[in-house]
Amino acid sequence: MPRPVTLFTGQWADLPFEEVCRHASQWGYDGLEIACSGDHLDVARALAEPDCLPAKRKLLREHGLAVHAISQHLVGQAVCDHPIDERHRAILPERIWGDGAAEGVRQRAAAELKDTARVAAALGAGVVTGFTGSSIWHTVAMFPPVPAEVIERGYRDFAERFHPILDVFDAEGVRFAHEVHPSEIAYDYWTTQRTLDAIEHRPAFGLNFDPSHFVWQDLDYLGFAADFADRIYHVDFKDAKKNLNGRNGRLGSHLPWADPRRGWDFVSVGHGDIDFEGCVRVLNAIGYEGPLSVEWEDAGMDRFVGAPDALARVRALTAIEPPDAAFDAAFSTRP
């Protein structure tokens, strides 16, 4: 049976949750990857108010939508980040920001991530997608020269902060799916390997596979999914397109999204450089059975056009069968 196609609600947090459910249902999505943003899901309210989660489940049920994962990207970013500054204040709930003292922000973010596991379990979602932040991302240019011990300390810091979080995930029977992404502790192939080593390959810690973050880095996203097959816990689909012309750079030049001077940008599914059919074939081959979650992040396209268009494109891909099943079905009546 084709796997479900869901809609990530992070770029829709300005709309009430009920309205997002209505649109997603009318377009034909099977479910949602619910972001802990806006009124879509407030972790503190979900734990404090007995009626909160039943009301969410009722809305989902009325619109025929399932929930396979919830997203805690914004708060997760603050768990390991350095420095903590005004960028974080803009994305964090006031209760997490508090007085803005960096270590206090990190500790409160970690506590919220633990509570997110509890809410996910109560909502029936087996995966929390998110970011980790990184205490060493600011050293990525490697100048001034970065001693090896600084990098080692960064991975130790990540592990020390995430082991207690994962203890709660284990207790709740929920898994954390880290999105491999620039600005995180794991942002490419080798940093992902190093991150998994640092966390001692705990089963509670895996990956949210989003090939769009691999394109501008010239990484082999199909090989990545194959090599980390046992860690692909969730999949987000959005597209990316390179625009490298000798002036436009890979690092974006501090230009806003959709600026034509950027060397790359996010675009709606099927309008960029990603081989999504190849992605689905690899996901089938490695035995991934979870949803394909559409993340609309195309600053140059109306989201009310892009979201249903992306659904149609991804839905078509779900007809691709796993290799053995497709072969057996085609040749089951051969002489």
Protein backbone atom coordinates (compact mmCIF):
# COMPACT_ATOMS: atom_id res chain seq x y z
CA MET A 1 0.00 0.00 0.00
CA PRO A 2 1.43 3.45 -0.91
CA ARG A 3 2.94 5.28 2.04
CA PRO A 4 1.15 8.38 3.38
CA VAL A 5 1.96 11.89 2.21
CA THR A 6 1.83 14.47 5.00
CA LEU A 7 2.17 18.25 5.23
CA PHE A 8 4.71 19.88 7.54
CA THR A 9 2.90 22.75 9.28
CA GLY A 10 5.92 24.88 10.20
CA GLN A 11 5.43 27.32 7.30
CA TRP A 12 1.72 27.57 8.11
CA ALA A 13 2.02 28.55 11.78
CA ASP A 14 0.50 31.99 11.08
CA LEU A 15 -2.80 30.20 10.39
CA PRO A 16 -4.99 28.56 13.04
CA PHE A 17 -4.51 24.82 13.33
CA GLU A 18 -8.13 24.15 12.35
CA GLU A 19 -7.66 26.10 9.12
CA VAL A 20 -4.48 24.19 8.24
CA CYS A 21 -6.31 20.90 8.88
CA ARG A 22 -9.13 21.98 6.60
CA HIS A 23 -6.82 22.98 3.75
CA ALA A 24 -4.66 19.85 4.05
CA SER A 25 -7.73 17.63 4.03
CA GLN A 26 -9.30 19.38 1.05
CA TRP A 27 -6.06 19.10 -0.93
CA GLY A 28 -5.87 15.38 -0.17
CA TYR A 29 -3.02 15.05 2.32
CA ASP A 30 -3.12 11.95 4.52
CA GLY A 31 -1.83 13.65 7.64
CA LEU A 32 0.35 16.32 9.21
CA GLU A 33 3.83 16.69 10.60
CA ILE A 34 2.74 19.10 13.32
CA ALA A 35 5.13 21.90 14.22
CA CYS A 36 5.29 23.17 17.80
CA SER A 37 4.57 26.69 16.56
CA GLY A 38 1.64 29.07 16.62
CA ASP A 39 -1.44 27.37 17.99
CA HIS A 40 -0.60 24.12 16.19
CA LEU A 41 0.97 22.49 19.23
CA ASP A 42 2.09 24.10 22.48
CA VAL A 43 4.01 21.53 24.54
CA ALA A 44 3.43 23.29 27.87
CA ARG A 45 -0.32 23.58 27.27
CA ALA A 46 -0.53 20.00 26.04
CA LEU A 47 0.88 18.75 29.35
CA ALA A 48 -0.92 21.22 31.62
CA GLU A 49 -4.41 21.28 30.09
CA PRO A 50 -6.26 17.93 30.01
CA ASP A 51 -8.47 19.01 27.10
CA CYS A 52 -5.67 20.18 24.79
CA LEU A 53 -4.59 16.94 23.11
CA PRO A 54 -8.10 15.45 22.90
CA ALA A 55 -9.14 18.61 21.05
CA LYS A 56 -6.24 18.19 18.62
CA ARG A 57 -7.11 14.55 18.03
CA LYS A 58 -10.74 15.50 17.42
CA LEU A 59 -9.78 18.07 14.78
CA LEU A 60 -7.48 15.61 13.05
CA ARG A 61 -10.14 12.90 13.10
CA GLU A 62 -12.83 15.24 11.72
CA HIS A 63 -10.57 16.07 8.78
CA GLY A 64 -9.40 12.51 8.17
CA LEU A 65 -5.79 13.30 9.03
CA ALA A 66 -3.20 11.20 10.85
CA VAL A 67 -0.15 12.43 12.74
CA HIS A 68 3.06 10.44 12.33
CA ALA A 69 5.51 13.04 13.64
CA ILE A 70 5.71 16.34 15.45
CA SER A 71 8.41 18.93 14.86
CA GLN A 72 10.44 20.71 17.53
CA HIS A 73 13.02 22.35 15.27
CA LEU A 74 12.99 25.81 16.83
CA VAL A 75 13.42 24.87 20.47
CA GLY A 76 15.82 22.06 19.55
CA GLN A 77 18.11 24.62 17.92
CA ALA A 78 18.79 26.20 21.30
CA VAL A 79 19.86 23.00 23.08
CA CYS A 80 23.48 23.11 21.88
CA ASP A 81 23.82 26.43 20.07
CA HIS A 82 26.57 28.96 20.62
CA PRO A 83 26.21 31.86 20.68
CA ILE A 84 22.66 32.32 21.99
CA ASP A 85 21.49 35.71 20.81
CA GLU A 86 18.66 37.76 19.33
CA ARG A 87 18.14 35.19 16.55
CA HIS A 88 17.03 32.67 19.16
CA ARG A 89 14.80 35.14 20.96
CA ALA A 90 12.91 35.58 17.68
CA ILE A 91 12.10 31.86 17.37
CA LEU A 92 11.72 30.68 20.98
CA PRO A 93 8.70 30.80 23.28
CA GLU A 94 9.15 33.46 25.96
CA ARG A 95 9.23 30.80 28.67
CA ILE A 96 12.30 29.25 27.00
CA TRP A 97 14.06 32.56 26.37
CA GLY A 98 13.48 33.83 29.92
CA ASP A 99 16.17 36.38 30.79
CA GLY A 100 18.25 35.37 27.77
CA ALA A 101 21.21 34.06 29.78
CA ALA A 102 22.70 31.49 27.40
CA GLU A 103 23.03 28.43 29.63
CA GLY A 104 19.58 28.94 31.10
CA VAL A 105 18.12 29.07 27.57
CA ARG A 106 19.90 25.81 26.69
CA GLN A 107 18.69 24.05 29.83
CA ARG A 108 15.09 25.16 29.36
CA ALA A 109 15.22 24.11 25.69
CA ALA A 110 16.47 20.66 26.71
CA ALA A 111 13.66 20.32 29.24
CA GLU A 112 11.13 21.29 26.55
CA LEU A 113 12.55 18.68 24.19
CA LYS A 114 12.04 16.05 26.89
CA ASP A 115 8.46 17.23 27.32
CA THR A 116 8.01 17.06 23.55
CA ALA A 117 8.73 13.33 23.70
CA ARG A 118 6.02 12.98 26.33
CA VAL A 119 3.53 14.92 24.22
CA ALA A 120 4.40 12.92 21.10
CA ALA A 121 3.72 9.68 22.96
CA ALA A 122 0.41 11.01 24.25
CA LEU A 123 -0.58 12.13 20.74
CA GLY A 124 0.40 8.79 19.21
CA ALA A 125 3.29 10.17 17.15
CA GLY A 126 6.33 7.91 17.20
CA VAL A 127 8.85 10.49 15.95
CA VAL A 128 9.92 13.99 16.93
CA THR A 129 11.77 15.76 14.13
CA GLY A 130 14.08 18.61 14.94
CA PHE A 131 17.40 20.36 15.20
CA THR A 132 20.11 20.07 17.81
CA GLY A 133 22.01 23.30 17.39
CA SER A 134 25.79 23.22 17.61
CA SER A 135 28.44 24.81 19.79
CA ILE A 136 30.99 24.52 16.94
CA TRP A 137 29.11 25.52 13.79
CA HIS A 138 30.56 29.04 14.08
CA THR A 139 34.01 27.47 13.48
CA VAL A 140 33.03 25.91 10.14
CA ALA A 141 35.25 28.25 8.09
CA MET A 142 38.24 26.89 10.09
CA PHE A 143 39.82 30.35 10.38
CA PRO A 144 41.11 31.54 12.72
CA PRO A 145 42.61 28.05 12.94
CA VAL A 146 40.51 25.72 15.08
CA PRO A 147 42.34 23.27 17.39
CA ALA A 148 41.14 19.68 17.10
CA GLU A 149 40.25 19.72 20.79
CA VAL A 150 37.69 22.48 20.16
CA ILE A 151 35.87 20.23 17.69
CA GLU A 152 36.09 17.23 20.02
CA ARG A 153 34.69 19.35 22.83
CA GLY A 154 31.77 20.32 20.60
CA TYR A 155 30.77 16.70 20.04
CA ARG A 156 31.18 15.94 23.75
CA ASP A 157 28.96 18.90 24.56
CA PHE A 158 26.30 17.59 22.18
CA ALA A 159 26.44 14.10 23.68
CA GLU A 160 26.33 15.34 27.27
CA ARG A 161 23.26 17.43 26.53
CA PHE A 162 21.43 14.84 24.44
CA HIS A 163 21.95 11.66 26.45
CA PRO A 164 19.52 12.80 29.21
CA ILE A 165 17.04 13.91 26.53
CA LEU A 166 17.22 10.53 24.83
CA ASP A 167 16.66 8.79 28.15
CA VAL A 168 13.19 10.37 28.16
CA PHE A 169 12.64 9.45 24.50
CA ASP A 170 13.49 5.84 25.37
CA ALA A 171 11.11 5.89 28.33
CA GLU A 172 8.29 7.22 26.14
CA GLY A 173 8.95 4.89 23.20
CA VAL A 174 9.56 7.83 20.86
CA ARG A 175 12.52 8.47 18.53
CA PHE A 176 14.27 11.75 17.73
CA ALA A 177 14.96 12.40 14.04
CA HIS A 178 17.69 15.00 13.63
CA GLU A 179 17.54 16.99 10.40
CA VAL A 180 21.00 17.02 8.81
CA HIS A 181 21.32 20.70 8.02
CA PRO A 182 23.87 23.50 7.97
CA SER A 183 24.14 25.13 11.45
CA GLU A 184 23.58 21.76 13.20
CA ILE A 185 25.96 19.30 14.86
CA ALA A 186 25.48 17.03 11.82
CA TYR A 187 25.31 18.90 8.54
CA ASP A 188 26.95 16.56 6.00
CA TYR A 189 28.09 12.96 5.59
CA TRP A 190 31.13 12.91 7.87
CA THR A 191 29.61 15.07 10.59
CA THR A 192 26.61 12.73 10.65
CA GLN A 193 28.94 9.79 11.20
CA ARG A 194 30.76 11.66 13.93
CA THR A 195 27.49 12.66 15.60
CA LEU A 196 26.24 9.08 15.71
CA ASP A 197 29.58 7.99 17.16
CA ALA A 198 29.34 10.71 19.81
CA ILE A 199 25.86 9.56 20.85
CA GLU A 200 27.07 5.92 20.87
CA HIS A 201 24.61 5.02 18.10
CA ARG A 202 21.67 5.05 20.50
CA PRO A 203 18.55 3.78 18.71
CA ALA A 204 16.52 6.73 20.03
CA PHE A 205 18.59 9.12 17.87
CA GLY A 206 18.17 8.98 14.12
CA LEU A 207 17.73 11.21 11.10
CA ASN A 208 15.10 13.26 9.35
CA PHE A 209 16.13 12.87 5.71
CA ASP A 210 15.65 16.08 3.70
CA PRO A 211 17.64 15.99 0.44
CA SER A 212 17.25 19.73 -0.15
CA HIS A 213 20.02 20.46 2.36
CA PHE A 214 22.45 18.28 0.42
CA VAL A 215 22.10 19.89 -3.01
CA TRP A 216 24.06 23.11 -2.56
CA GLN A 217 26.77 21.20 -0.69
CA ASP A 218 27.19 18.84 -3.68
CA LEU A 219 26.53 15.82 -1.48
CA ASP A 220 25.22 12.46 -2.70
CA TYR A 221 21.85 12.35 -0.93
CA LEU A 222 20.94 8.97 -2.45
CA GLY A 223 24.17 7.40 -1.19
CA PHE A 224 23.64 9.08 2.17
CA ALA A 225 20.19 7.50 2.58
CA ALA A 226 21.58 4.10 1.61
CA ASP A 227 24.56 4.32 3.97
CA PHE A 228 22.50 5.52 6.92
CA ALA A 229 19.54 3.27 6.12
CA ASP A 230 18.94 2.14 9.69
CA ARG A 231 18.79 5.75 10.91
CA ILE A 232 16.25 7.22 8.48
CA TYR A 233 13.32 7.72 10.86
CA HIS A 234 11.41 10.36 8.90
CA VAL A 235 11.51 12.06 5.49
CA ASP A 236 10.82 15.67 4.53
CA PHE A 237 10.50 16.58 0.85
CA LYS A 238 11.18 20.05 -0.47
CA ASP A 239 13.24 20.91 -3.53
CA ALA A 240 16.33 23.06 -4.02
CA LYS A 241 17.82 24.61 -7.13
CA LYS A 242 21.37 25.77 -7.71
CA ASN A 243 21.98 29.06 -9.48
CA LEU A 244 25.77 29.10 -9.66
CA ASN A 245 26.91 31.39 -12.46
CA GLY A 246 30.34 32.62 -11.40
CA ARG A 247 28.92 35.46 -9.31
CA ASN A 248 26.30 33.70 -7.19
CA GLY A 249 27.88 31.75 -4.33
CA ARG A 250 26.99 28.58 -2.48
CA LEU A 251 26.82 30.36 0.87
CA GLY A 252 24.00 32.67 -0.20
CA SER A 253 25.91 35.95 0.23
CA HIS A 254 23.68 37.03 3.16
CA LEU A 255 20.90 37.64 0.64
CA PRO A 256 17.21 36.95 1.36
CA TRP A 257 15.39 33.90 0.03
CA ALA A 258 14.25 34.19 -3.59
CA ASP A 259 16.84 36.89 -4.36
CA PRO A 260 18.15 36.04 -7.88
CA ARG A 261 21.71 36.79 -6.73
CA ARG A 262 21.72 33.77 -4.43
CA GLY A 263 23.66 30.69 -5.57
CA TRP A 264 20.86 28.36 -4.52
CA ASP A 265 17.35 28.48 -3.13
CA PHE A 266 14.49 26.31 -1.97
CA VAL A 267 11.77 25.69 -4.53
CA SER A 268 8.59 23.66 -4.59
CA VAL A 269 8.85 19.90 -5.09
CA GLY A 270 9.60 19.02 -8.70
CA HIS A 271 10.84 22.49 -9.66
CA GLY A 272 14.49 22.04 -8.68
CA ASP A 273 17.49 19.76 -8.97
CA ILE A 274 16.52 16.84 -6.71
CA ASP A 275 15.89 13.38 -8.14
CA PHE A 276 12.81 12.56 -6.08
CA GLU A 277 12.11 9.35 -7.98
CA GLY A 278 15.62 8.22 -7.08
CA CYS A 279 14.93 9.16 -3.46
CA VAL A 280 11.78 7.06 -3.32
CA ARG A 281 13.51 4.10 -4.97
CA VAL A 282 16.31 4.24 -2.40
CA LEU A 283 13.83 4.65 0.47
CA ASN A 284 11.96 1.60 -0.81
CA ALA A 285 15.19 -0.35 -1.09
CA ILE A 286 16.25 0.41 2.50
CA GLY A 287 12.82 -0.51 3.85
CA TYR A 288 11.66 2.93 4.95
CA GLU A 289 7.90 2.68 5.52
CA GLY A 290 7.10 6.06 7.04
CA PRO A 291 5.46 9.11 5.50
CA LEU A 292 6.80 11.51 2.92
CA SER A 293 6.24 14.92 4.48
CA VAL A 294 5.93 17.88 2.11
CA GLU A 295 7.65 21.00 3.40
CA TRP A 296 6.62 24.08 1.48
CA GLU A 297 9.47 26.61 1.60
CA ASP A 298 9.45 28.30 -1.79
CA ALA A 299 9.63 32.06 -1.22
CA GLY A 300 8.87 32.65 -4.90
CA MET A 301 5.62 30.67 -5.08
CA ASP A 302 2.22 31.15 -3.45
CA ARG A 303 1.98 28.40 -0.83
CA PHE A 304 -1.69 27.79 -1.65
CA VAL A 305 -0.53 26.88 -5.16
CA GLY A 306 2.68 25.14 -4.10
CA ALA A 307 1.25 22.84 -1.43
CA PRO A 308 -1.34 21.05 -3.61
CA ASP A 309 1.07 21.00 -6.56
CA ALA A 310 3.75 19.36 -4.39
CA LEU A 311 1.21 16.83 -3.10
CA ALA A 312 0.31 15.75 -6.64
CA ARG A 313 3.98 15.30 -7.53
CA VAL A 314 4.84 13.34 -4.39
CA ARG A 315 1.64 11.28 -4.57
CA ALA A 316 2.66 10.07 -8.02
CA LEU A 317 5.96 8.85 -6.59
CA THR A 318 4.26 6.66 -4.00
CA ALA A 319 3.18 4.32 -6.79
CA ILE A 320 6.80 3.17 -7.09
CA GLU A 321 6.88 -0.25 -5.45
CA PRO A 322 9.75 -1.75 -3.44
CA PRO A 323 12.11 -3.63 -5.77
CA ASP A 324 11.16 -7.21 -4.91
CA ALA A 325 7.44 -6.51 -4.80
CA ALA A 326 7.48 -4.76 -8.18
CA PHE A 327 9.45 -7.57 -9.79
CA ASP A 328 7.31 -10.32 -8.29
CA ALA A 329 4.08 -8.61 -9.29
CA ALA A 330 5.23 -8.12 -12.88
CA PHE A 331 6.47 -11.66 -13.35
CA SER A 332 4.17 -13.69 -11.11
CA THR A 333 2.33 -15.18 -14.14
CA ARG A 334 5.31 -15.68 -16.42
CA PRO A 335 5.66 -19.21 -17.91
